Protein backbone atom coordinates (compact mmCIF):
# COMPACT_ATOMS: atom_id res chain seq x y z
CA UNK A 1 -22.14 2.36 -2.48
CA UNK A 2 -19.47 1.48 -4.88
CA UNK A 3 -21.57 -1.18 -6.56
CA UNK A 4 -23.33 1.43 -8.57
CA UNK A 5 -20.14 2.78 -9.90
CA UNK A 6 -18.64 -0.43 -11.20
CA UNK A 7 -18.83 -1.40 -14.94
CA UNK A 8 -19.96 -4.76 -15.86
CA UNK A 9 -16.24 -5.73 -16.67
CA UNK A 10 -15.16 -4.67 -13.13
CA UNK A 11 -18.02 -6.71 -11.58
CA UNK A 12 -16.69 -9.77 -13.60
CA UNK A 13 -13.10 -9.16 -12.41
CA UNK A 14 -14.37 -8.80 -8.88
CA UNK A 15 -16.21 -12.22 -8.99
CA UNK A 16 -12.97 -13.60 -10.60
CA UNK A 17 -10.86 -12.42 -7.56
CA UNK A 18 -13.60 -13.54 -5.21
CA UNK A 19 -13.25 -16.96 -6.62
CA UNK A 20 -9.37 -16.81 -6.04
CA UNK A 21 -9.85 -15.55 -2.67
CA UNK A 22 -12.37 -18.32 -1.72
CA UNK A 23 -9.71 -20.83 -2.94
CA UNK A 24 -7.16 -19.77 -0.47
CA UNK A 25 -6.80 -22.59 2.12
CA UNK A 26 -7.91 -21.71 5.55
CA UNK A 27 -4.89 -23.41 6.88
CA UNK A 28 -2.51 -21.06 4.96
CA UNK A 29 -4.28 -17.93 6.68
CA UNK A 30 -3.77 -19.81 10.19
CA UNK A 31 -0.23 -20.74 9.31
CA UNK A 32 0.74 -17.34 8.09
CA UNK A 33 -0.63 -15.79 11.45
CA UNK A 34 1.29 -18.39 13.52
CA UNK A 35 4.59 -17.67 11.62
CA UNK A 36 4.76 -21.14 10.38
CA UNK A 37 5.21 -19.93 6.82
CA UNK A 38 8.35 -18.02 5.56
CA UNK A 39 6.50 -16.71 2.51
CA UNK A 40 3.28 -17.82 0.57
CA UNK A 41 5.17 -18.49 -2.64
CA UNK A 42 2.42 -20.97 -3.77
CA UNK A 43 -0.32 -18.50 -3.12
CA UNK A 44 1.53 -16.06 -5.41
CA UNK A 45 1.93 -18.57 -8.13
CA UNK A 46 -1.75 -19.44 -7.97
CA UNK A 47 -2.77 -15.72 -8.43
CA UNK A 48 -0.22 -15.73 -11.44
CA UNK A 49 -1.90 -18.83 -12.92
CA UNK A 50 -5.14 -16.88 -12.80
CA UNK A 51 -3.52 -14.00 -14.40
CA UNK A 52 -4.34 -11.86 -11.41
CA UNK A 53 -1.00 -10.18 -10.79
CA UNK A 54 -0.04 -6.62 -11.90
CA UNK A 55 -3.39 -6.16 -13.63
CA UNK A 56 -2.34 -2.60 -14.85
CA UNK A 57 0.76 -3.67 -16.69
CA UNK A 58 0.95 -4.44 -20.52
CA UNK A 59 -0.44 -7.74 -21.83
CA UNK A 60 2.96 -8.42 -23.37
CA UNK A 61 4.61 -8.68 -20.05
CA UNK A 62 1.78 -10.75 -18.43
CA UNK A 63 -0.65 -7.98 -17.14
CA UNK A 64 -3.95 -7.26 -18.41
CA UNK A 65 -3.56 -3.50 -19.43
CA UNK A 66 -6.21 -2.48 -17.07
CA UNK A 67 -6.61 0.79 -14.89
CA UNK A 68 -6.15 1.69 -11.29
CA UNK A 69 -9.85 1.62 -10.82
CA UNK A 70 -9.78 -2.04 -11.86
CA UNK A 71 -6.78 -2.98 -9.73
CA UNK A 72 -8.51 -1.42 -6.61
CA UNK A 73 -11.39 -3.89 -7.07
CA UNK A 74 -9.11 -6.66 -7.06
CA UNK A 75 -7.02 -5.59 -4.19
CA UNK A 76 -10.02 -4.90 -1.95
CA UNK A 77 -11.12 -8.31 -2.26
CA UNK A 78 -7.77 -9.88 -1.43
CA UNK A 79 -7.61 -7.40 1.51
CA UNK A 80 -10.20 -9.68 3.25
CA UNK A 81 -7.36 -12.17 3.81
CA UNK A 82 -5.39 -9.67 5.99
CA UNK A 83 -2.36 -7.63 5.26
CA UNK A 84 0.39 -10.32 4.94
CA UNK A 85 -1.43 -12.12 1.98
CA UNK A 86 -2.65 -8.74 0.81
CA UNK A 87 0.89 -7.59 0.59
CA UNK A 88 2.28 -10.62 -1.12
CA UNK A 89 -0.38 -10.04 -3.75
CA UNK A 90 0.32 -6.29 -4.20
CA UNK A 91 4.05 -6.57 -4.25
CA UNK A 92 4.22 -7.28 -7.99
CA UNK A 93 2.16 -4.11 -8.42
CA UNK A 94 4.42 -2.06 -6.35
CA UNK A 95 7.83 -3.17 -7.62
CA UNK A 96 6.27 -3.73 -11.12
CA UNK A 97 5.49 0.04 -11.20
CA UNK A 98 9.19 1.00 -11.09
CA UNK A 99 9.94 -1.53 -13.75
CA UNK A 100 7.04 -0.60 -16.01
CA UNK A 101 7.59 3.08 -15.83
CA UNK A 102 11.27 3.34 -15.66
CA UNK A 103 12.75 0.00 -16.74
CA UNK A 104 14.24 -0.81 -19.95
CA UNK A 105 12.91 -3.53 -22.39
CA UNK A 106 15.69 -5.88 -21.15
CA UNK A 107 14.73 -5.16 -17.49
CA UNK A 108 11.03 -5.77 -18.20
CA UNK A 109 11.87 -9.20 -19.73
CA UNK A 110 14.20 -10.12 -17.09
CA UNK A 111 12.22 -9.21 -14.07
CA UNK A 112 8.75 -7.98 -14.81
CA UNK A 113 7.51 -10.78 -17.09
CA UNK A 114 8.80 -13.63 -14.62
CA UNK A 115 7.39 -11.62 -11.63
CA UNK A 116 3.90 -11.37 -13.19
CA UNK A 117 4.13 -15.04 -14.11
CA UNK A 118 4.76 -16.01 -10.34
CA UNK A 119 8.24 -17.40 -11.20
CA UNK A 120 10.09 -14.70 -9.32
CA UNK A 121 9.31 -12.97 -5.93
CA UNK A 122 10.09 -9.24 -5.46
CA UNK A 123 10.44 -7.02 -2.55
CA UNK A 124 11.11 -3.20 -2.06
CA UNK A 125 14.09 -2.25 0.11
CA UNK A 126 13.57 1.30 1.31
CA UNK A 127 13.56 1.67 4.94
CA UNK A 128 16.79 1.73 6.98
CA UNK A 129 17.70 1.18 10.68
CA UNK A 130 18.34 5.05 11.21
CA UNK A 131 15.60 6.31 8.76
CA UNK A 132 11.86 5.39 8.23
CA UNK A 133 9.84 7.98 6.31
CA UNK A 134 13.16 9.98 5.68
CA UNK A 135 13.80 8.58 2.22
CA UNK A 136 16.36 11.19 1.35
CA UNK A 137 18.41 10.29 4.48
CA UNK A 138 19.34 6.95 2.77
CA UNK A 139 22.88 5.81 4.00
CA UNK A 140 23.22 2.75 2.05
CA UNK A 141 26.13 3.38 -0.37
CA UNK A 142 26.79 2.01 -3.82
CA UNK A 143 30.34 2.97 -4.98
CA UNK A 144 31.09 2.87 -8.72
CA UNK A 145 33.69 0.24 -9.74
CA UNK A 146 33.96 -0.33 -13.47
CA UNK A 147 30.91 -1.76 -15.05
CA UNK A 148 29.29 -2.36 -11.84
CA UNK A 149 28.41 -0.69 -8.33
CA UNK A 150 29.58 -2.26 -5.07
CA UNK A 151 26.75 -1.91 -2.61
CA UNK A 152 27.12 -1.70 1.27
CA UNK A 153 24.48 -0.83 3.86
CA UNK A 154 21.36 -2.15 5.55
CA UNK A 155 17.54 -2.21 4.90
CA UNK A 156 14.93 -3.30 7.41
CA UNK A 157 11.31 -4.04 7.67
CA UNK A 158 11.47 -5.49 4.31
CA UNK A 159 8.36 -7.83 3.56
CA UNK A 160 9.81 -10.73 1.63
CA UNK A 161 13.21 -10.54 2.89
CA UNK A 162 13.41 -14.23 3.64
CA UNK A 163 12.31 -15.39 0.25
CA UNK A 164 12.48 -12.75 -2.47
CA UNK A 165 14.57 -13.42 -5.53
CA UNK A 166 15.28 -9.80 -6.18
CA UNK A 167 14.91 -6.45 -4.46
CA UNK A 168 14.21 -2.93 -5.52
CA UNK A 169 16.92 -1.03 -3.53
CA UNK A 170 17.57 2.55 -3.12
CA UNK A 171 21.19 3.51 -2.45
CA UNK A 172 23.43 6.68 -2.40
CA UNK A 173 25.55 6.85 -5.47
CA UNK A 174 26.66 10.43 -5.68
CA UNK A 175 27.03 11.67 -2.15
CA UNK A 176 28.95 14.81 -3.10
CA UNK A 177 25.81 16.53 -4.51
CA UNK A 178 22.44 17.61 -3.09
CA UNK A 179 20.24 14.70 -1.66
CA UNK A 180 17.77 14.81 -4.61
CA UNK A 181 20.47 13.95 -7.10
CA UNK A 182 22.38 11.60 -5.04
CA UNK A 183 20.42 8.45 -5.09
CA UNK A 184 20.06 5.54 -7.53
CA UNK A 185 17.44 2.78 -7.80
CA UNK A 186 18.69 -0.85 -8.41
CA UNK A 187 17.40 -4.25 -8.95
CA UNK A 188 19.60 -6.42 -6.62
CA UNK A 189 19.25 -10.15 -7.01
CA UNK A 190 19.62 -12.48 -4.09
CA UNK A 191 23.20 -13.70 -4.10
CA UNK A 192 26.70 -13.16 -2.59
CA UNK A 193 26.76 -10.08 -0.31
CA UNK A 194 23.04 -10.10 0.12
CA UNK A 195 22.18 -11.42 3.59
CA UNK A 196 19.22 -11.62 5.68
CA UNK A 197 20.46 -11.02 9.40
CA UNK A 198 17.10 -10.65 11.31
CA UNK A 199 13.64 -11.95 10.81
CA UNK A 200 11.18 -9.78 12.98
CA UNK A 201 8.58 -11.15 15.33
CA UNK A 202 5.59 -8.96 14.30
CA UNK A 203 2.39 -8.18 16.31
CA UNK A 204 0.52 -9.02 13.00
CA UNK A 205 1.15 -9.27 9.24
CA UNK A 206 3.04 -12.48 9.89
CA UNK A 207 4.27 -15.05 7.47
CA UNK A 208 5.63 -12.61 4.97
CA UNK A 209 9.29 -13.21 6.01
CA UNK A 210 9.88 -9.60 7.09
CA UNK A 211 13.50 -8.93 7.95
CA UNK A 212 16.71 -6.82 7.82
CA UNK A 213 18.88 -7.07 4.87
CA UNK A 214 22.58 -6.42 4.93
CA UNK A 215 24.52 -5.68 1.80
CA UNK A 216 28.21 -6.42 2.04
CA UNK A 217 30.19 -5.65 -0.97
CA UNK A 218 27.28 -6.78 -3.12
CA UNK A 219 28.10 -6.28 -6.83
CA UNK A 220 25.27 -4.81 -8.79
CA UNK A 221 25.83 -4.42 -12.63
CA UNK A 222 25.23 -0.89 -14.17
CA UNK A 223 22.27 -2.58 -16.25
CA UNK A 224 20.44 -2.92 -12.96
CA UNK A 225 19.82 0.72 -12.41
CA UNK A 226 16.17 1.49 -12.79
CA UNK A 227 15.80 4.89 -14.41
CA UNK A 228 18.62 7.33 -14.62
CA UNK A 229 21.83 7.13 -12.44
CA UNK A 230 21.25 9.39 -9.46
CA UNK A 231 17.61 9.69 -10.35
CA UNK A 232 16.03 7.64 -7.81
CA UNK A 233 13.92 10.63 -6.67
CA UNK A 234 11.91 10.20 -9.76
CA UNK A 235 11.25 6.53 -9.03
CA UNK A 236 10.53 7.28 -5.33
CA UNK A 237 7.83 9.86 -6.18
CA UNK A 238 6.12 7.43 -8.84
CA UNK A 239 6.18 4.61 -6.24
CA UNK A 240 4.18 6.62 -3.80
CA UNK A 241 1.14 5.96 -5.98
CA UNK A 242 1.28 2.02 -5.90
CA UNK A 243 2.56 1.80 -2.32
CA UNK A 244 -0.30 4.04 -0.88
CA UNK A 245 -2.97 2.90 -3.14
CA UNK A 246 -2.56 -0.67 -2.46
CA UNK A 247 -2.65 -0.04 1.20
CA UNK A 248 -5.82 1.95 0.95
CA UNK A 249 -7.58 -0.51 -1.23
CA UNK A 250 -6.63 -3.58 1.19
CA UNK A 251 -7.78 -1.49 4.09
CA UNK A 252 -11.34 -1.48 2.52
CA UNK A 253 -11.33 -5.28 2.44
CA UNK A 254 -10.31 -5.71 5.86
CA UNK A 255 -12.63 -3.20 7.34
CA UNK A 256 -15.58 -4.60 5.36
CA UNK A 257 -14.86 -8.22 6.53
CA UNK A 258 -14.74 -7.15 10.15
CA UNK A 259 -17.89 -5.05 9.97
CA UNK A 260 -19.90 -7.96 8.32
CA UNK A 261 -18.87 -10.40 10.89
CA UNK A 262 -19.78 -8.03 13.76
CA UNK A 263 -23.00 -7.00 12.15
CA UNK A 264 -24.11 -10.65 11.65
CA UNK A 265 -23.11 -11.44 15.32
CA UNK A 266 -25.21 -8.48 16.58
CA UNK A 267 -28.31 -10.01 14.74
CA UNK A 268 -27.66 -13.36 16.48
CA UNK A 269 -26.71 -12.35 19.97
CA UNK A 270 -29.18 -11.68 22.54
CA UNK A 271 -28.99 -9.87 25.72
CA UNK A 272 -31.68 -8.34 28.15
CA UNK A 273 -34.25 -10.23 26.07
CA UNK A 274 -33.46 -8.98 22.51
CA UNK A 275 -30.99 -8.82 19.76
CA UNK A 276 -28.14 -6.64 20.74
CA UNK A 277 -28.46 -4.83 17.32
CA UNK A 278 -31.64 -3.28 18.84
CA UNK A 279 -29.53 -1.24 21.27
CA UNK A 280 -28.37 2.10 20.18
CA UNK A 281 -24.78 1.51 21.58
CA UNK A 282 -24.38 -1.09 18.97
CA UNK A 283 -26.52 -0.05 16.08
CA UNK A 284 -24.96 3.39 15.99
CA UNK A 285 -21.44 1.68 15.82
CA UNK A 286 -22.69 -0.20 12.79
CA UNK A 287 -24.07 3.17 11.38
CA UNK A 288 -20.78 5.08 12.05
CA UNK A 289 -18.73 2.11 10.49
CA UNK A 290 -20.85 1.96 7.32
CA UNK A 291 -20.58 5.73 6.86
CA UNK A 292 -16.73 5.57 7.43
CA UNK A 293 -16.34 2.78 4.90
CA UNK A 294 -18.60 4.32 2.32
CA UNK A 295 -16.68 7.56 2.68
CA UNK A 296 -13.38 5.62 2.40
CA UNK A 297 -14.59 3.87 -0.76
CA UNK A 298 -15.44 7.23 -2.47
CA UNK A 299 -11.92 8.72 -1.64
CA UNK A 300 -10.12 5.51 -2.79
CA UNK A 301 -12.04 5.17 -5.95
CA UNK A 302 -11.80 8.90 -6.62
CA UNK A 303 -8.06 8.88 -6.25
CA UNK A 304 -7.95 5.86 -8.51
CA UNK A 305 -10.06 7.61 -11.14
CA UNK A 306 -7.83 10.90 -10.91
CA UNK A 307 -4.75 8.80 -11.63
CA UNK A 308 -6.31 7.13 -14.56
CA UNK A 309 -7.53 10.29 -16.11
CA UNK A 310 -3.98 11.78 -16.17
CA UNK A 311 -5.14 14.56 -13.75
CA UNK A 312 -2.86 17.39 -12.53
CA UNK A 313 -0.02 15.58 -10.80
CA UNK A 314 -0.22 17.60 -7.56
CA UNK A 315 -3.78 16.84 -7.12
CA UNK A 316 -3.23 13.19 -7.80
CA UNK A 317 -0.47 13.22 -5.08
CA UNK A 318 -2.78 14.82 -2.69
CA UNK A 319 -5.74 12.60 -3.31
CA UNK A 320 -3.44 9.38 -3.08
CA UNK A 321 -2.17 10.49 0.20
CA UNK A 322 -5.75 11.41 1.36
CA UNK A 323 -6.90 7.87 0.26
CA UNK A 324 -4.02 6.20 2.16
CA UNK A 325 -4.56 8.08 5.32
CA UNK A 326 -8.28 7.89 5.54
CA UNK A 327 -8.94 4.53 4.46
CA UNK A 328 -6.20 2.98 6.92
CA UNK A 329 -7.64 5.22 9.80
CA UNK A 330 -11.20 4.15 8.89
CA UNK A 331 -10.25 0.58 8.74
CA UNK A 332 -8.57 0.77 12.25
CA UNK A 333 -11.76 2.51 13.66
CA UNK A 334 -14.14 0.04 11.90
CA UNK A 335 -12.33 -2.99 13.18
CA UNK A 336 -12.27 -1.55 16.69
CA UNK A 337 -15.97 -1.03 16.45
CA UNK A 338 -16.43 -4.57 15.37
CA UNK A 339 -14.46 -5.85 18.42
CA UNK A 340 -16.43 -3.54 20.71
CA UNK A 341 -19.86 -4.82 19.22
CA UNK A 342 -18.83 -8.35 19.87
CA UNK A 343 -17.49 -7.76 23.28
CA UNK A 344 -15.22 -10.39 24.91
CA UNK A 345 -15.55 -13.02 22.19
CA UNK A 346 -14.35 -10.59 19.63
CA UNK A 347 -10.93 -10.48 21.69
CA UNK A 348 -10.39 -14.25 21.29
CA UNK A 349 -9.31 -16.46 18.44
CA UNK A 350 -12.79 -17.80 18.07
CA UNK A 351 -13.33 -14.95 15.59
CA UNK A 352 -10.83 -13.35 13.33
CA UNK A 353 -11.37 -9.79 14.43
CA UNK A 354 -8.32 -9.86 16.79
CA UNK A 355 -6.14 -10.87 13.86
CA UNK A 356 -7.54 -8.15 11.67
CA UNK A 357 -7.10 -5.62 14.43
CA UNK A 358 -3.32 -6.63 14.82
CA UNK A 359 -2.97 -6.47 11.06
CA UNK A 360 -4.66 -3.11 10.72
CA UNK A 361 -2.36 -1.54 13.19
CA UNK A 362 0.53 -1.69 10.58
CA UNK A 363 -1.27 -0.07 7.73
CA UNK A 364 -1.28 3.24 9.41
CA UNK A 365 2.57 2.97 9.73
CA UNK A 366 3.93 1.42 6.56
CA UNK A 367 4.36 2.85 3.11
CA UNK A 368 4.71 6.17 5.00
CA UNK A 369 3.10 6.98 8.34
CA UNK A 370 -0.21 8.59 8.39
CA UNK A 371 1.53 11.70 9.73
CA UNK A 372 3.57 11.92 6.74
CA UNK A 373 0.37 11.66 4.72
CA UNK A 374 -0.78 14.78 6.58
CA UNK A 375 2.31 16.68 5.75
CA UNK A 376 1.91 15.88 2.03
CA UNK A 377 -1.82 16.53 2.01
CA UNK A 378 -1.54 19.97 3.57
CA UNK A 379 1.56 20.84 1.45
CA UNK A 380 -0.18 20.05 -1.88
CA UNK A 381 -3.30 21.92 -0.73
CA UNK A 382 -1.53 25.18 -0.06
CA UNK A 383 0.30 25.05 -3.22
CA UNK A 384 -3.21 24.54 -5.01
CA UNK A 385 -5.08 27.33 -3.23
CA UNK A 386 -2.71 30.14 -2.57
CA UNK A 387 -2.35 31.31 -6.20
CA UNK A 388 -4.85 33.70 -7.37
CA UNK A 389 -7.91 32.21 -9.18
CA UNK A 390 -9.69 34.62 -11.26
CA UNK A 391 -12.06 31.85 -12.52
CA UNK A 392 -13.70 31.52 -9.11
CA UNK A 393 -15.83 33.76 -7.06
CA UNK A 394 -13.94 35.80 -4.28
CA UNK A 395 -15.94 34.53 -1.33
CA UNK A 396 -13.64 36.47 1.03
CA UNK A 397 -15.34 39.67 -0.37
CA UNK A 398 -18.83 38.51 0.69
CA UNK A 399 -18.69 40.19 4.12
CA UNK A 400 -20.36 43.35 5.20
CA UNK A 401 -16.85 44.99 6.08
CA UNK A 402 -14.75 43.14 3.55
CA UNK A 403 -13.18 46.42 2.55
CA UNK A 404 -11.84 47.22 6.15
CA UNK A 405 -8.37 46.40 5.18
CA UNK A 406 -6.97 48.18 8.34
CA UNK A 407 -8.78 45.55 10.36
CA UNK A 408 -7.01 42.69 8.35
CA UNK A 409 -3.75 42.60 10.43
CA UNK A 410 -1.40 39.77 9.32
CA UNK A 411 1.80 40.80 11.11
């Protein structure tokens, strides 16, 4: 469906990214899933050599000055590699958002430029052992000491913890005021006081060095604050866009790959004297999957276009959360359909469906659970529709007894 909506430049970008994806060694994909790789640094460097990292960011810092619609095209293609390699590709877009929007010229030169050049690996450190989606419950504490902060606390489930050269860290810096004005965002470089105390054994999304970080009296210069002091809420709300849009786009690639494998299998596999695609139990799953995937495409690309157009910020927020929720839920269902179509062989490592299924389970959890997506979606919708809209027809009045106010009991 989306083919008709792409510009010629976007098709060229897609082909460029497809060439990169084809160049990724099969053995790297296998070694990542076997946890034989701590972090795919050379893979990130290769993407940088091809000028494919942080496509939205200014040319002067190593990006291409493109739009979200363009970056979605690229991330979807990388998504066929699975979530670990997809995340490694998307992380410069995520951390880069904070530096590009809130960073100083010096910060961009020091971290954004070398990150997009593949010289530095970044990671975002948000989740804590006692809080996942509760951002404002952050307990990591950064105490002011002269011209620096002294950081103590823990962050966990940090993709890239094992290898990242620097981290975007949120910590409480003003605990005496309300939560929205008590947290700051820092760039924390790997060094004294920054330790990795545990690397997680994951069901999927392996090879990304996901671990728990512990900060013990780590000194962070004041110049490393991203945005204003005590103003991390602004950074956090902006970061919702790249965190969730990259997840949504990668989900499209994963689901598309699984469906194509299963559909081809169903055209070759015979049972009861005919191709199994001839059975409604199979062909209807393919039809449902195509429909889900096309619907997800429409929502993800619609959200990207809304961001690029500078649309109402609340509408953008709703669409971004809808895109993440729907695309990741759809990917999970499509990949499950693919496994069901293939039967027992889909549950083995003869095909990559089982790996994609393990990977897909995480994307409904990370960057905000899909239950949190629901909270934001309904919240923004109510704020949109409750105010009076004199520019719209009052459809509520189009009932025979619409004037029977005594029947409209609300309490």
